[in-house]
Amino acid sequence: MVYFNDRLFRYLFIASAVLVSLIIISIIWFVGNQGLATFRQVSVVEFFTSSLWNPSNGNFGALTFITGSLASTLIAILIGGPLGLAGAVFMAKIAPSRVRQIMRPATDLFAGIPSVVYGYVGITLLVSFIRKTTGSPTGFGLLASGIVLSIMILPTIISITEDTLRSLPDTYEQASLALGATRWQTIWRVLVPAASPGILTALILAMARAIGETMAVQMVIGNSSKFPDSLVSPTSTLTSNIVMEMGNTPFASTWNNALFLMALILLLISLILIILVRLAARKGAAQ
């Protein structure tokens, strides 16, 4: 009976793994098939190098949206990366245990806040602040979306980085202190470099979260198909343009296929980021 149960659950797990794999492959095939159909009417060069998006006139240049997604993610990492690393170091090596017991659940709570809440706070407070301080007519743009995303990715960076720092052998810290290094020298020159694979993993996963975010970005970026000429000019991203236009396009039309192609680009970017996470994890295991 025990042997039968073992075989039953083994086949059940195999079937579940196969089903998940088939679902993922089906999604990629469907999105890819619809997206690549765009190139029957639109040239590859126009789609990736033109910033003119006017489907009514047959213009399908997605450079604006690709640039908006990448720029928003870059701003988020530049702001949230150092803040997340500093928070993780504080919680892992500096904060008393009582403080950490409060801060860690509070940090994890940020990951459970709906993105629309971040967007609402951003459009209510952040956009108006940017409009008043920069003189921008609207306050919408890459700066607002980057700041909102930087806050949203903090839980990912802090949690993974803190766990990595706390998993390091105590001998690293003890040996550094025994050689006469100060506490800060030990943290920044010994512990942080030793935890670099885990930190890199945290940053890559944070980038994946940022580049795939939709609702919060859609609420603060301005949703304009104009190529951004500054950080405070309204523009758009791949995700925000998809959510704004997908419901208004006939299925299998060139316009609809172009939106599917944007989704395919996001899938490929996510796949690349997952591969980078695997490589970072393999590097950490080799160390």
C-alpha atoms as a PDB file:
ATOM      1  CA  MET A   1       0.000   0.000   0.000  1.00  0.00           C
ATOM      2  CA  VAL A   2       2.817   2.405   0.891  1.00  0.00           C
ATOM      3  CA  TYR A   3       4.601   1.551  -2.362  1.00  0.00           C
ATOM      4  CA  PHE A   4       1.377   2.198  -4.303  1.00  0.00           C
ATOM      5  CA  ASN A   5       0.935   5.608  -2.626  1.00  0.00           C
ATOM      6  CA  ASP A   6       4.527   6.549  -3.416  1.00  0.00           C
ATOM      7  CA  ARG A   7       4.065   5.710  -7.079  1.00  0.00           C
ATOM      8  CA  LEU A   8       0.691   7.462  -7.172  1.00  0.00           C
ATOM      9  CA  PHE A   9       2.069  10.739  -5.808  1.00  0.00           C
ATOM     10  CA  ARG A  10       5.140  10.457  -8.008  1.00  0.00           C
ATOM     11  CA  TYR A  11       2.979  10.248 -11.128  1.00  0.00           C
ATOM     12  CA  LEU A  12       0.740  13.007  -9.779  1.00  0.00           C
ATOM     13  CA  PHE A  13       3.707  15.353  -9.366  1.00  0.00           C
ATOM     14  CA  ILE A  14       5.022  14.438 -12.818  1.00  0.00           C
ATOM     15  CA  ALA A  15       1.610  15.110 -14.337  1.00  0.00           C
ATOM     16  CA  SER A  16       1.392  18.449 -12.544  1.00  0.00           C
ATOM     17  CA  ALA A  17       4.839  19.461 -13.800  1.00  0.00           C
ATOM     18  CA  VAL A  18       3.940  18.460 -17.347  1.00  0.00           C
ATOM     19  CA  LEU A  19       0.639  20.368 -17.142  1.00  0.00           C
ATOM     20  CA  VAL A  20       2.372  23.532 -15.917  1.00  0.00           C
ATOM     21  CA  SER A  21       4.960  23.224 -18.685  1.00  0.00           C
ATOM     22  CA  LEU A  22       2.235  22.783 -21.314  1.00  0.00           C
ATOM     23  CA  ILE A  23       0.360  25.839 -20.028  1.00  0.00           C
ATOM     24  CA  ILE A  24       3.512  27.983 -20.176  1.00  0.00           C
ATOM     25  CA  ILE A  25       4.399  26.729 -23.651  1.00  0.00           C
ATOM     26  CA  SER A  26       0.824  27.341 -24.821  1.00  0.00           C
ATOM     27  CA  ILE A  27       0.876  30.918 -23.549  1.00  0.00           C
ATOM     28  CA  ILE A  28       4.211  31.627 -25.232  1.00  0.00           C
ATOM     29  CA  TRP A  29       3.031  29.991 -28.471  1.00  0.00           C
ATOM     30  CA  PHE A  30      -0.270  31.867 -28.537  1.00  0.00           C
ATOM     31  CA  VAL A  31       1.228  35.280 -27.700  1.00  0.00           C
ATOM     32  CA  GLY A  32       4.136  34.690 -30.063  1.00  0.00           C
ATOM     33  CA  ASN A  33       1.927  33.510 -32.920  1.00  0.00           C
ATOM     34  CA  GLN A  34      -0.338  36.546 -32.621  1.00  0.00           C
ATOM     35  CA  GLY A  35       2.503  38.971 -32.049  1.00  0.00           C
ATOM     36  CA  LEU A  36       4.714  37.844 -34.919  1.00  0.00           C
ATOM     37  CA  ALA A  37       1.737  38.169 -37.255  1.00  0.00           C
ATOM     38  CA  THR A  38       2.283  41.930 -36.947  1.00  0.00           C
ATOM     39  CA  PHE A  39       5.227  41.698 -39.324  1.00  0.00           C
ATOM     40  CA  ARG A  40       2.911  40.678 -42.175  1.00  0.00           C
ATOM     41  CA  GLN A  41       1.836  44.338 -42.437  1.00  0.00           C
ATOM     42  CA  VAL A  42       4.506  46.174 -40.397  1.00  0.00           C
ATOM     43  CA  SER A  43       8.251  46.029 -40.964  1.00  0.00           C
ATOM     44  CA  VAL A  44      10.562  44.986 -38.136  1.00  0.00           C
ATOM     45  CA  VAL A  45      12.580  48.180 -38.549  1.00  0.00           C
ATOM     46  CA  GLU A  46       9.516  50.407 -38.219  1.00  0.00           C
ATOM     47  CA  PHE A  47       8.211  48.610 -35.143  1.00  0.00           C
ATOM     48  CA  PHE A  48      11.463  48.752 -33.166  1.00  0.00           C
ATOM     49  CA  THR A  49      12.946  52.048 -34.359  1.00  0.00           C
ATOM     50  CA  SER A  50       9.979  54.340 -34.970  1.00  0.00           C
ATOM     51  CA  SER A  51       8.313  56.319 -32.186  1.00  0.00           C
ATOM     52  CA  LEU A  52       5.231  57.119 -34.274  1.00  0.00           C
ATOM     53  CA  TRP A  53       2.254  55.195 -32.898  1.00  0.00           C
ATOM     54  CA  ASN A  54      -0.948  55.984 -34.774  1.00  0.00           C
ATOM     55  CA  PRO A  55      -2.828  52.750 -35.567  1.00  0.00           C
ATOM     56  CA  SER A  56      -5.628  54.619 -37.324  1.00  0.00           C
ATOM     57  CA  ASN A  57      -3.124  55.734 -39.980  1.00  0.00           C
ATOM     58  CA  GLY A  58      -1.195  52.469 -40.049  1.00  0.00           C
ATOM     59  CA  ASN A  59       1.771  53.638 -37.946  1.00  0.00           C
ATOM     60  CA  PHE A  60       2.979  51.040 -35.444  1.00  0.00           C
ATOM     61  CA  GLY A  61       6.254  52.280 -34.000  1.00  0.00           C
ATOM     62  CA  ALA A  62       6.782  50.888 -30.483  1.00  0.00           C
ATOM     63  CA  LEU A  63      10.083  52.600 -29.638  1.00  0.00           C
ATOM     64  CA  THR A  64       8.319  55.002 -27.274  1.00  0.00           C
ATOM     65  CA  PHE A  65       6.828  52.196 -25.192  1.00  0.00           C
ATOM     66  CA  ILE A  66      10.006  50.106 -25.125  1.00  0.00           C
ATOM     67  CA  THR A  67      12.014  53.142 -24.048  1.00  0.00           C
ATOM     68  CA  GLY A  68       9.429  54.033 -21.406  1.00  0.00           C
ATOM     69  CA  SER A  69       9.521  50.548 -19.892  1.00  0.00           C
ATOM     70  CA  LEU A  70      13.309  50.352 -19.811  1.00  0.00           C
ATOM     71  CA  ALA A  71      13.752  53.917 -18.530  1.00  0.00           C
ATOM     72  CA  SER A  72      11.170  53.502 -15.748  1.00  0.00           C
ATOM     73  CA  THR A  73      12.835  50.259 -14.657  1.00  0.00           C
ATOM     74  CA  LEU A  74      16.289  51.855 -14.710  1.00  0.00           C
ATOM     75  CA  ILE A  75      15.132  54.794 -12.573  1.00  0.00           C
ATOM     76  CA  ALA A  76      13.465  52.398 -10.137  1.00  0.00           C
ATOM     77  CA  ILE A  77      16.636  50.329  -9.761  1.00  0.00           C
ATOM     78  CA  LEU A  78      18.846  53.408  -9.373  1.00  0.00           C
ATOM     79  CA  ILE A  79      16.632  54.668  -6.536  1.00  0.00           C
ATOM     80  CA  GLY A  80      15.371  51.453  -4.968  1.00  0.00           C
ATOM     81  CA  GLY A  81      18.582  49.440  -5.298  1.00  0.00           C
ATOM     82  CA  PRO A  82      20.759  51.470  -2.890  1.00  0.00           C
ATOM     83  CA  LEU A  83      17.823  52.045  -0.518  1.00  0.00           C
ATOM     84  CA  GLY A  84      16.972  48.345  -0.445  1.00  0.00           C
ATOM     85  CA  LEU A  85      20.592  47.342   0.096  1.00  0.00           C
ATOM     86  CA  ALA A  86      20.973  49.830   2.929  1.00  0.00           C
ATOM     87  CA  GLY A  87      17.750  48.620   4.547  1.00  0.00           C
ATOM     88  CA  ALA A  88      18.828  44.985   4.258  1.00  0.00           C
ATOM     89  CA  VAL A  89      22.239  45.697   5.800  1.00  0.00           C
ATOM     90  CA  PHE A  90      20.601  47.571   8.658  1.00  0.00           C
ATOM     91  CA  MET A  91      18.119  44.802   9.371  1.00  0.00           C
ATOM     92  CA  ALA A  92      20.651  41.973   9.018  1.00  0.00           C
ATOM     93  CA  LYS A  93      23.703  43.390  10.805  1.00  0.00           C
ATOM     94  CA  ILE A  94      22.860  46.542  12.723  1.00  0.00           C
ATOM     95  CA  ALA A  95      19.272  46.575  14.006  1.00  0.00           C
ATOM     96  CA  PRO A  96      18.558  44.946  17.389  1.00  0.00           C
ATOM     97  CA  SER A  97      16.506  41.769  17.195  1.00  0.00           C
ATOM     98  CA  ARG A  98      13.446  43.521  18.633  1.00  0.00           C
ATOM     99  CA  VAL A  99      13.586  46.179  15.934  1.00  0.00           C
ATOM    100  CA  ARG A 100      14.074  43.550  13.224  1.00  0.00           C
ATOM    101  CA  GLN A 101      11.047  41.605  14.461  1.00  0.00           C
ATOM    102  CA  ILE A 102       8.978  44.711  13.758  1.00  0.00           C
ATOM    103  CA  MET A 103      10.647  45.854  10.530  1.00  0.00           C
ATOM    104  CA  ARG A 104      10.684  42.528   8.704  1.00  0.00           C
ATOM    105  CA  PRO A 105       6.890  41.971   8.825  1.00  0.00           C
ATOM    106  CA  ALA A 106       6.391  45.631   7.976  1.00  0.00           C
ATOM    107  CA  THR A 107       8.648  45.232   4.945  1.00  0.00           C
ATOM    108  CA  ASP A 108       6.843  42.094   3.830  1.00  0.00           C
ATOM    109  CA  LEU A 109       3.549  43.956   4.190  1.00  0.00           C
ATOM    110  CA  PHE A 110       4.572  46.296   1.368  1.00  0.00           C
ATOM    111  CA  ALA A 111       4.605  43.354  -1.041  1.00  0.00           C
ATOM    112  CA  GLY A 112       0.942  42.679  -0.284  1.00  0.00           C
ATOM    113  CA  ILE A 113      -0.309  46.196  -0.976  1.00  0.00           C
ATOM    114  CA  PRO A 114      -2.267  46.298  -4.275  1.00  0.00           C
ATOM    115  CA  SER A 115      -0.498  48.193  -7.029  1.00  0.00           C
ATOM    116  CA  VAL A 116      -3.527  50.421  -7.526  1.00  0.00           C
ATOM    117  CA  VAL A 117      -2.933  51.796  -4.014  1.00  0.00           C
ATOM    118  CA  TYR A 118       0.615  52.761  -4.949  1.00  0.00           C
ATOM    119  CA  GLY A 119      -0.726  54.362  -8.094  1.00  0.00           C
ATOM    120  CA  TYR A 120      -3.421  56.274  -6.235  1.00  0.00           C
ATOM    121  CA  VAL A 121      -0.932  57.634  -3.693  1.00  0.00           C
ATOM    122  CA  GLY A 122       1.432  58.491  -6.525  1.00  0.00           C
ATOM    123  CA  ILE A 123      -1.165  60.360  -8.564  1.00  0.00           C
ATOM    124  CA  THR A 124      -2.464  62.161  -5.467  1.00  0.00           C
ATOM    125  CA  LEU A 125       0.778  63.189  -3.753  1.00  0.00           C
ATOM    126  CA  LEU A 126       3.814  62.481  -5.930  1.00  0.00           C
ATOM    127  CA  VAL A 127       2.525  63.844  -9.243  1.00  0.00           C
ATOM    128  CA  SER A 128       1.374  67.095  -7.668  1.00  0.00           C
ATOM    129  CA  PHE A 129       4.708  67.446  -5.829  1.00  0.00           C
ATOM    130  CA  ILE A 130       6.654  66.955  -9.061  1.00  0.00           C
ATOM    131  CA  ARG A 131       4.408  69.428 -10.858  1.00  0.00           C
ATOM    132  CA  LYS A 132       5.018  72.103  -8.210  1.00  0.00           C
ATOM    133  CA  THR A 133       8.767  71.563  -7.819  1.00  0.00           C
ATOM    134  CA  THR A 134       9.780  71.069 -11.455  1.00  0.00           C
ATOM    135  CA  GLY A 135       7.375  73.396 -13.217  1.00  0.00           C
ATOM    136  CA  SER A 136       6.044  70.560 -15.346  1.00  0.00           C
ATOM    137  CA  PRO A 137       2.560  71.223 -16.744  1.00  0.00           C
ATOM    138  CA  THR A 138       1.245  67.861 -15.540  1.00  0.00           C
ATOM    139  CA  GLY A 139       3.820  66.145 -13.285  1.00  0.00           C
ATOM    140  CA  PHE A 140       3.267  62.846 -15.071  1.00  0.00           C
ATOM    141  CA  GLY A 141       6.211  61.047 -16.630  1.00  0.00           C
ATOM    142  CA  LEU A 142       9.149  58.730 -16.147  1.00  0.00           C
ATOM    143  CA  LEU A 143      10.233  60.341 -12.885  1.00  0.00           C
ATOM    144  CA  ALA A 144       6.888  59.696 -11.201  1.00  0.00           C
ATOM    145  CA  SER A 145       6.660  56.124 -12.482  1.00  0.00           C
ATOM    146  CA  GLY A 146      10.287  55.412 -11.538  1.00  0.00           C
ATOM    147  CA  ILE A 147       9.805  56.649  -7.975  1.00  0.00           C
ATOM    148  CA  VAL A 148       6.595  54.659  -7.518  1.00  0.00           C
ATOM    149  CA  LEU A 149       8.270  51.528  -8.890  1.00  0.00           C
ATOM    150  CA  SER A 150      11.301  52.046  -6.645  1.00  0.00           C
ATOM    151  CA  ILE A 151       9.022  51.874  -3.621  1.00  0.00           C
ATOM    152  CA  MET A 152       7.226  48.815  -4.955  1.00  0.00           C
ATOM    153  CA  ILE A 153      10.452  46.831  -5.489  1.00  0.00           C
ATOM    154  CA  LEU A 154      11.887  47.574  -2.032  1.00  0.00           C
ATOM    155  CA  PRO A 155      10.342  44.468  -0.355  1.00  0.00           C
ATOM    156  CA  THR A 156      11.917  42.195  -2.973  1.00  0.00           C
ATOM    157  CA  ILE A 157      15.374  43.723  -2.621  1.00  0.00           C
ATOM    158  CA  ILE A 158      15.309  43.960   1.157  1.00  0.00           C
ATOM    159  CA  SER A 159      13.964  40.458   1.811  1.00  0.00           C
ATOM    160  CA  ILE A 160      16.308  38.567  -0.515  1.00  0.00           C
ATOM    161  CA  THR A 161      19.371  40.643   0.371  1.00  0.00           C
ATOM    162  CA  GLU A 162      18.764  40.342   4.100  1.00  0.00           C
ATOM    163  CA  ASP A 163      18.331  36.577   3.866  1.00  0.00           C
ATOM    164  CA  THR A 164      21.558  36.351   1.870  1.00  0.00           C
ATOM    165  CA  LEU A 165      23.504  38.431   4.386  1.00  0.00           C
ATOM    166  CA  ARG A 166      22.190  36.442   7.326  1.00  0.00           C
ATOM    167  CA  SER A 167      23.076  33.139   5.618  1.00  0.00           C
ATOM    168  CA  LEU A 168      26.770  34.032   5.359  1.00  0.00           C
ATOM    169  CA  PRO A 169      29.051  32.090   7.734  1.00  0.00           C
ATOM    170  CA  ASP A 170      29.847  33.965  10.942  1.00  0.00           C
ATOM    171  CA  THR A 171      33.529  33.224  10.336  1.00  0.00           C
ATOM    172  CA  TYR A 172      33.629  35.885   7.597  1.00  0.00           C
ATOM    173  CA  GLU A 173      32.701  38.628  10.033  1.00  0.00           C
ATOM    174  CA  GLN A 174      34.770  37.248  12.891  1.00  0.00           C
ATOM    175  CA  ALA A 175      37.903  36.909  10.762  1.00  0.00           C
ATOM    176  CA  SER A 176      37.566  40.448   9.424  1.00  0.00           C
ATOM    177  CA  LEU A 177      37.111  41.929  12.880  1.00  0.00           C
ATOM    178  CA  ALA A 178      40.028  39.858  14.193  1.00  0.00           C
ATOM    179  CA  LEU A 179      42.284  41.364  11.538  1.00  0.00           C
ATOM    180  CA  GLY A 180      41.471  44.859  12.785  1.00  0.00           C
ATOM    181  CA  ALA A 181      38.768  45.936  10.360  1.00  0.00           C
ATOM    182  CA  THR A 182      36.030  48.183  11.654  1.00  0.00           C
ATOM    183  CA  ARG A 183      32.391  47.170  11.611  1.00  0.00           C
ATOM    184  CA  TRP A 184      31.649  49.242   8.510  1.00  0.00           C
ATOM    185  CA  GLN A 185      34.735  47.964   6.697  1.00  0.00           C
ATOM    186  CA  THR A 186      33.616  44.426   7.480  1.00  0.00           C
ATOM    187  CA  ILE A 187      30.133  45.059   6.117  1.00  0.00           C
ATOM    188  CA  TRP A 188      31.050  46.885   2.900  1.00  0.00           C
ATOM    189  CA  ARG A 189      34.313  45.132   2.022  1.00  0.00           C
ATOM    190  CA  VAL A 190      33.657  41.590   3.228  1.00  0.00           C
ATOM    191  CA  LEU A 191      29.985  40.777   3.757  1.00  0.00           C
ATOM    192  CA  VAL A 192      28.453  42.693   0.859  1.00  0.00           C
ATOM    193  CA  PRO A 193      30.929  41.322  -1.736  1.00  0.00           C
ATOM    194  CA  ALA A 194      30.424  37.802  -0.349  1.00  0.00           C
ATOM    195  CA  ALA A 195      26.658  38.245  -0.713  1.00  0.00           C
ATOM    196  CA  SER A 196      26.907  39.743  -4.213  1.00  0.00           C
ATOM    197  CA  PRO A 197      25.254  36.765  -6.019  1.00  0.00           C
ATOM    198  CA  GLY A 198      22.203  37.046  -3.746  1.00  0.00           C
ATOM    199  CA  ILE A 199      22.138  40.828  -4.099  1.00  0.00           C
ATOM    200  CA  LEU A 200      22.329  40.499  -7.876  1.00  0.00           C
ATOM    201  CA  THR A 201      19.448  38.037  -7.783  1.00  0.00           C
ATOM    202  CA  ALA A 202      17.399  40.505  -5.716  1.00  0.00           C
ATOM    203  CA  LEU A 203      18.068  43.311  -8.200  1.00  0.00           C
ATOM    204  CA  ILE A 204      17.161  41.161 -11.205  1.00  0.00           C
ATOM    205  CA  LEU A 205      13.911  39.988  -9.626  1.00  0.00           C
ATOM    206  CA  ALA A 206      13.150  43.602  -8.718  1.00  0.00           C
ATOM    207  CA  MET A 207      13.702  44.576 -12.360  1.00  0.00           C
ATOM    208  CA  ALA A 208      11.308  41.834 -13.439  1.00  0.00           C
ATOM    209  CA  ARG A 209       8.700  43.190 -11.026  1.00  0.00           C
ATOM    210  CA  ALA A 210       9.233  46.757 -12.205  1.00  0.00           C
ATOM    211  CA  ILE A 211       9.162  46.135 -15.954  1.00  0.00           C
ATOM    212  CA  GLY A 212       5.979  44.061 -15.681  1.00  0.00           C
ATOM    213  CA  GLU A 213       4.062  46.463 -13.447  1.00  0.00           C
ATOM    214  CA  THR A 214       0.919  47.846 -15.062  1.00  0.00           C
ATOM    215  CA  MET A 215      -1.651  49.622 -12.927  1.00  0.00           C
ATOM    216  CA  ALA A 216       0.587  51.854 -10.807  1.00  0.00           C
ATOM    217  CA  VAL A 217       2.625  52.928 -13.847  1.00  0.00           C
ATOM    218  CA  GLN A 218      -0.489  53.520 -15.923  1.00  0.00           C
ATOM    219  CA  MET A 219      -1.797  55.920 -13.286  1.00  0.00           C
ATOM    220  CA  VAL A 220       1.298  58.142 -13.015  1.00  0.00           C
ATOM    221  CA  ILE A 221       3.139  58.064 -16.347  1.00  0.00           C
ATOM    222  CA  GLY A 222       0.649  60.082 -18.391  1.00  0.00           C
ATOM    223  CA  ASN A 223      -0.201  57.475 -21.092  1.00  0.00           C
ATOM    224  CA  SER A 224       0.992  59.503 -24.052  1.00  0.00           C
ATOM    225  CA  SER A 225       2.450  57.885 -27.165  1.00  0.00           C
ATOM    226  CA  LYS A 226       4.919  60.767 -27.452  1.00  0.00           C
ATOM    227  CA  PHE A 227       8.598  59.891 -27.094  1.00  0.00           C
ATOM    228  CA  PRO A 228       9.791  61.294 -23.727  1.00  0.00           C
ATOM    229  CA  ASP A 229      11.982  64.372 -24.053  1.00  0.00           C
ATOM    230  CA  SER A 230      12.445  64.729 -20.287  1.00  0.00           C
ATOM    231  CA  LEU A 231      11.783  62.871 -17.059  1.00  0.00           C
ATOM    232  CA  VAL A 232       8.647  64.932 -16.413  1.00  0.00           C
ATOM    233  CA  SER A 233       6.964  64.686 -19.821  1.00  0.00           C
ATOM    234  CA  PRO A 234       4.025  62.273 -20.200  1.00  0.00           C
ATOM    235  CA  THR A 235       4.849  59.065 -22.030  1.00  0.00           C
ATOM    236  CA  SER A 236       3.868  55.394 -21.882  1.00  0.00           C
ATOM    237  CA  THR A 237       5.247  51.896 -21.352  1.00  0.00           C
ATOM    238  CA  LEU A 238       4.578  48.521 -22.930  1.00  0.00           C
ATOM    239  CA  THR A 239       2.304  47.428 -20.110  1.00  0.00           C
ATOM    240  CA  SER A 240       0.350  50.673 -19.815  1.00  0.00           C
ATOM    241  CA  ASN A 241      -0.233  50.865 -23.563  1.00  0.00           C
ATOM    242  CA  ILE A 242      -1.435  47.261 -23.669  1.00  0.00           C
ATOM    243  CA  VAL A 243      -3.923  47.772 -20.854  1.00  0.00           C
ATOM    244  CA  MET A 244      -5.161  51.050 -22.376  1.00  0.00           C
ATOM    245  CA  GLU A 245      -5.746  49.775 -25.916  1.00  0.00           C
ATOM    246  CA  MET A 246      -6.242  45.996 -25.873  1.00  0.00           C
ATOM    247  CA  GLY A 247      -9.971  46.214 -25.135  1.00  0.00           C
ATOM    248  CA  ASN A 248     -10.571  48.568 -28.061  1.00  0.00           C
ATOM    249  CA  THR A 249      -8.962  46.534 -30.839  1.00  0.00           C
ATOM    250  CA  PRO A 250     -10.554  43.852 -33.057  1.00  0.00           C
ATOM    251  CA  PHE A 251      -8.949  40.462 -32.528  1.00  0.00           C
ATOM    252  CA  ALA A 252      -6.344  39.463 -35.147  1.00  0.00           C
ATOM    253  CA  SER A 253      -6.195  42.996 -36.562  1.00  0.00           C
ATOM    254  CA  THR A 254      -2.775  44.562 -37.103  1.00  0.00           C
ATOM    255  CA  TRP A 255      -3.359  46.840 -34.126  1.00  0.00           C
ATOM    256  CA  ASN A 256      -4.294  43.890 -31.914  1.00  0.00           C
ATOM    257  CA  ASN A 257      -1.329  41.855 -33.152  1.00  0.00           C
ATOM    258  CA  ALA A 258       1.026  44.736 -32.404  1.00  0.00           C
ATOM    259  CA  LEU A 259      -0.178  44.756 -28.792  1.00  0.00           C
ATOM    260  CA  PHE A 260       0.411  41.001 -28.604  1.00  0.00           C
ATOM    261  CA  LEU A 261       3.925  41.626 -29.937  1.00  0.00           C
ATOM    262  CA  MET A 262       4.505  44.049 -27.058  1.00  0.00           C
ATOM    263  CA  ALA A 263       3.384  41.328 -24.675  1.00  0.00           C
ATOM    264  CA  LEU A 264       5.808  38.931 -26.366  1.00  0.00           C
ATOM    265  CA  ILE A 265       8.635  41.423 -25.804  1.00  0.00           C
ATOM    266  CA  LEU A 266       7.753  41.511 -22.113  1.00  0.00           C
ATOM    267  CA  LEU A 267       7.764  37.701 -22.008  1.00  0.00           C
ATOM    268  CA  LEU A 268      11.193  37.578 -23.626  1.00  0.00           C
ATOM    269  CA  ILE A 269      12.549  40.188 -21.226  1.00  0.00           C
ATOM    270  CA  SER A 270      11.202  38.165 -18.302  1.00  0.00           C
ATOM    271  CA  LEU A 271      12.814  35.021 -19.737  1.00  0.00           C
ATOM    272  CA  ILE A 272      16.161  36.797 -20.018  1.00  0.00           C
ATOM    273  CA  LEU A 273      15.889  38.020 -16.427  1.00  0.00           C
ATOM    274  CA  ILE A 274      15.059  34.488 -15.219  1.00  0.00           C
ATOM    275  CA  ILE A 275      18.147  33.163 -17.014  1.00  0.00           C
ATOM    276  CA  LEU A 276      20.240  35.862 -15.336  1.00  0.00           C
ATOM    277  CA  VAL A 277      18.837  34.839 -11.944  1.00  0.00           C
ATOM    278  CA  ARG A 278      19.835  31.234 -12.664  1.00  0.00           C
ATOM    279  CA  LEU A 279      23.338  32.320 -13.618  1.00  0.00           C
ATOM    280  CA  ALA A 280      23.642  34.431 -10.466  1.00  0.00           C
ATOM    281  CA  ALA A 281      22.450  31.526  -8.324  1.00  0.00           C
ATOM    282  CA  ARG A 282      24.942  29.201 -10.034  1.00  0.00           C
ATOM    283  CA  LYS A 283      27.722  31.718  -9.376  1.00  0.00           C
ATOM    284  CA  GLY A 284      26.732  31.859  -5.720  1.00  0.00           C
ATOM    285  CA  ALA A 285      26.746  28.065  -5.463  1.00  0.00           C
ATOM    286  CA  ALA A 286      30.200  27.931  -7.072  1.00  0.00           C
ATOM    287  CA  GLN A 287      31.524  30.296  -4.419  1.00  0.00           C
END
